[in-house]
Amino acid sequence: MYLLARQETINIVSIKCYTRMLLFSEHLAKESKQITT
């Protein structure tokens, strides 16, 4: 039970990190477009 809960916590953390990275890369893409234009 403890291991399962720990695995879920790891999944939640990795999902949060993944979405943050996606948002950050989108932000960088917008920034670079503004620079090039």
PDB file of N, CA and C in Angstrom:
ATOM      1  N   MET A   1       0.839  -1.204   0.000  1.00  0.00           N
ATOM      2  CA  MET A   1       0.000   0.000   0.000  1.00  0.00           C
ATOM      3  C   MET A   1       0.875   1.255   0.000  1.00  0.00           C
ATOM      4  N   TYR A   2       1.885   1.233   0.850  1.00  0.00           N
ATOM      5  CA  TYR A   2       2.780   2.397   0.942  1.00  0.00           C
ATOM      6  C   TYR A   2       3.507   2.618  -0.380  1.00  0.00           C
ATOM      7  N   LEU A   3       3.983   1.521  -0.970  1.00  0.00           N
ATOM      8  CA  LEU A   3       4.701   1.631  -2.241  1.00  0.00           C
ATOM      9  C   LEU A   3       3.802   2.191  -3.334  1.00  0.00           C
ATOM     10  N   LEU A   4       2.558   1.747  -3.351  1.00  0.00           N
ATOM     11  CA  LEU A   4       1.616   2.217  -4.359  1.00  0.00           C
ATOM     12  C   LEU A   4       1.381   3.717  -4.221  1.00  0.00           C
ATOM     13  N   ALA A   5       1.166   4.152  -2.988  1.00  0.00           N
ATOM     14  CA  ALA A   5       0.941   5.577  -2.745  1.00  0.00           C
ATOM     15  C   ALA A   5       2.165   6.383  -3.162  1.00  0.00           C
ATOM     16  N   ARG A   6       3.342   5.845  -2.866  1.00  0.00           N
ATOM     17  CA  ARG A   6       4.569   6.536  -3.233  1.00  0.00           C
ATOM     18  C   ARG A   6       4.681   6.643  -4.749  1.00  0.00           C
ATOM     19  N   GLN A   7       4.325   5.580  -5.439  1.00  0.00           N
ATOM     20  CA  GLN A   7       4.374   5.586  -6.900  1.00  0.00           C
ATOM     21  C   GLN A   7       3.426   6.636  -7.467  1.00  0.00           C
ATOM     22  N   GLU A   8       2.241   6.751  -6.882  1.00  0.00           N
ATOM     23  CA  GLU A   8       1.281   7.762  -7.336  1.00  0.00           C
ATOM     24  C   GLU A   8       1.838   9.159  -7.131  1.00  0.00           C
ATOM     25  N   THR A   9       2.492   9.371  -5.986  1.00  0.00           N
ATOM     26  CA  THR A   9       3.080  10.683  -5.709  1.00  0.00           C
ATOM     27  C   THR A   9       4.138  11.014  -6.744  1.00  0.00           C
ATOM     28  N   ILE A  10       4.969  10.027  -7.076  1.00  0.00           N
ATOM     29  CA  ILE A  10       6.008  10.234  -8.087  1.00  0.00           C
ATOM     30  C   ILE A  10       5.357  10.568  -9.429  1.00  0.00           C
ATOM     31  N   ASN A  11       4.280   9.873  -9.768  1.00  0.00           N
ATOM     32  CA  ASN A  11       3.578  10.141 -11.025  1.00  0.00           C
ATOM     33  C   ASN A  11       3.045  11.563 -11.059  1.00  0.00           C
ATOM     34  N   ILE A  12       2.435  12.003  -9.960  1.00  0.00           N
ATOM     35  CA  ILE A  12       1.874  13.354  -9.890  1.00  0.00           C
ATOM     36  C   ILE A  12       2.973  14.392 -10.061  1.00  0.00           C
ATOM     37  N   VAL A  13       4.091  14.176  -9.381  1.00  0.00           N
ATOM     38  CA  VAL A  13       5.209  15.119  -9.466  1.00  0.00           C
ATOM     39  C   VAL A  13       5.752  15.175 -10.889  1.00  0.00           C
ATOM     40  N   SER A  14       5.904  14.019 -11.527  1.00  0.00           N
ATOM     41  CA  SER A  14       6.453  13.998 -12.878  1.00  0.00           C
ATOM     42  C   SER A  14       5.492  14.647 -13.866  1.00  0.00           C
ATOM     43  N   ILE A  15       4.187  14.465 -13.653  1.00  0.00           N
ATOM     44  CA  ILE A  15       3.192  15.114 -14.512  1.00  0.00           C
ATOM     45  C   ILE A  15       3.274  16.626 -14.362  1.00  0.00           C
ATOM     46  N   LYS A  16       3.422  17.101 -13.118  1.00  0.00           N
ATOM     47  CA  LYS A  16       3.544  18.540 -12.879  1.00  0.00           C
ATOM     48  C   LYS A  16       4.790  19.093 -13.565  1.00  0.00           C
ATOM     49  N   CYS A  17       5.903  18.372 -13.423  1.00  0.00           N
ATOM     50  CA  CYS A  17       7.150  18.812 -14.055  1.00  0.00           C
ATOM     51  C   CYS A  17       6.994  18.830 -15.570  1.00  0.00           C
ATOM     52  N   TYR A  18       6.318  17.807 -16.113  1.00  0.00           N
ATOM     53  CA  TYR A  18       6.141  17.691 -17.552  1.00  0.00           C
ATOM     54  C   TYR A  18       5.304  18.845 -18.093  1.00  0.00           C
ATOM     55  N   THR A  19       4.189  19.156 -17.425  1.00  0.00           N
ATOM     56  CA  THR A  19       3.336  20.252 -17.883  1.00  0.00           C
ATOM     57  C   THR A  19       4.071  21.580 -17.769  1.00  0.00           C
ATOM     58  N   ARG A  20       4.869  21.736 -16.704  1.00  0.00           N
ATOM     59  CA  ARG A  20       5.638  22.967 -16.531  1.00  0.00           C
ATOM     60  C   ARG A  20       6.650  23.120 -17.662  1.00  0.00           C
ATOM     61  N   MET A  21       7.287  22.008 -18.038  1.00  0.00           N
ATOM     62  CA  MET A  21       8.245  22.046 -19.136  1.00  0.00           C
ATOM     63  C   MET A  21       7.554  22.390 -20.448  1.00  0.00           C
ATOM     64  N   LEU A  22       6.359  21.824 -20.666  1.00  0.00           N
ATOM     65  CA  LEU A  22       5.608  22.129 -21.882  1.00  0.00           C
ATOM     66  C   LEU A  22       5.262  23.607 -21.947  1.00  0.00           C
ATOM     67  N   LEU A  23       4.750  24.151 -20.843  1.00  0.00           N
ATOM     68  CA  LEU A  23       4.406  25.567 -20.793  1.00  0.00           C
ATOM     69  C   LEU A  23       5.640  26.424 -21.027  1.00  0.00           C
ATOM     70  N   PHE A  24       6.755  26.032 -20.429  1.00  0.00           N
ATOM     71  CA  PHE A  24       7.992  26.793 -20.562  1.00  0.00           C
ATOM     72  C   PHE A  24       8.478  26.779 -22.005  1.00  0.00           C
ATOM     73  N   SER A  25       8.402  25.621 -22.666  1.00  0.00           N
ATOM     74  CA  SER A  25       8.855  25.529 -24.053  1.00  0.00           C
ATOM     75  C   SER A  25       7.950  26.343 -24.969  1.00  0.00           C
ATOM     76  N   GLU A  26       6.646  26.359 -24.676  1.00  0.00           N
ATOM     77  CA  GLU A  26       5.728  27.200 -25.455  1.00  0.00           C
ATOM     78  C   GLU A  26       6.095  28.663 -25.284  1.00  0.00           C
ATOM     79  N   HIS A  27       6.383  29.046 -24.045  1.00  0.00           N
ATOM     80  CA  HIS A  27       6.763  30.420 -23.742  1.00  0.00           C
ATOM     81  C   HIS A  27       8.043  30.786 -24.493  1.00  0.00           C
ATOM     82  N   LEU A  28       9.017  29.882 -24.491  1.00  0.00           N
ATOM     83  CA  LEU A  28      10.271  30.128 -25.201  1.00  0.00           C
ATOM     84  C   LEU A  28      10.026  30.261 -26.696  1.00  0.00           C
ATOM     85  N   ALA A  29       9.129  29.440 -27.232  1.00  0.00           N
ATOM     86  CA  ALA A  29       8.827  29.502 -28.659  1.00  0.00           C
ATOM     87  C   ALA A  29       8.227  30.862 -29.021  1.00  0.00           C
ATOM     88  N   LYS A  30       7.316  31.354 -28.180  1.00  0.00           N
ATOM     89  CA  LYS A  30       6.721  32.667 -28.420  1.00  0.00           C
ATOM     90  C   LYS A  30       7.782  33.754 -28.349  1.00  0.00           C
ATOM     91  N   GLU A  31       8.656  33.665 -27.346  1.00  0.00           N
ATOM     92  CA  GLU A  31       9.718  34.652 -27.177  1.00  0.00           C
ATOM     93  C   GLU A  31      10.628  34.670 -28.400  1.00  0.00           C
ATOM     94  N   SER A  32      11.025  33.499 -28.878  1.00  0.00           N
ATOM     95  CA  SER A  32      11.937  33.432 -30.017  1.00  0.00           C
ATOM     96  C   SER A  32      11.264  33.965 -31.280  1.00  0.00           C
ATOM     97  N   LYS A  33       9.959  33.737 -31.416  1.00  0.00           N
ATOM     98  CA  LYS A  33       9.235  34.282 -32.566  1.00  0.00           C
ATOM     99  C   LYS A  33       9.243  35.801 -32.523  1.00  0.00           C
ATOM    100  N   GLN A  34       9.036  36.355 -31.332  1.00  0.00           N
ATOM    101  CA  GLN A  34       9.045  37.806 -31.184  1.00  0.00           C
ATOM    102  C   GLN A  34      10.424  38.369 -31.518  1.00  0.00           C
ATOM    103  N   ILE A  35      11.469  37.643 -31.161  1.00  0.00           N
ATOM    104  CA  ILE A  35      12.832  38.110 -31.429  1.00  0.00           C
ATOM    105  C   ILE A  35      13.108  38.083 -32.933  1.00  0.00           C
ATOM    106  N   THR A  36      12.694  37.022 -33.608  1.00  0.00           N
ATOM    107  CA  THR A  36      13.023  36.877 -35.030  1.00  0.00           C
ATOM    108  C   THR A  36      12.230  37.854 -35.889  1.00  0.00           C
ATOM    109  N   THR A  37      11.012  38.179 -35.511  1.00  0.00           N
ATOM    110  CA  THR A  37      10.193  39.068 -36.331  1.00  0.00           C
ATOM    111  C   THR A  37      10.552  40.525 -36.096  1.00  0.00           C
TER     112      THR A  37
END
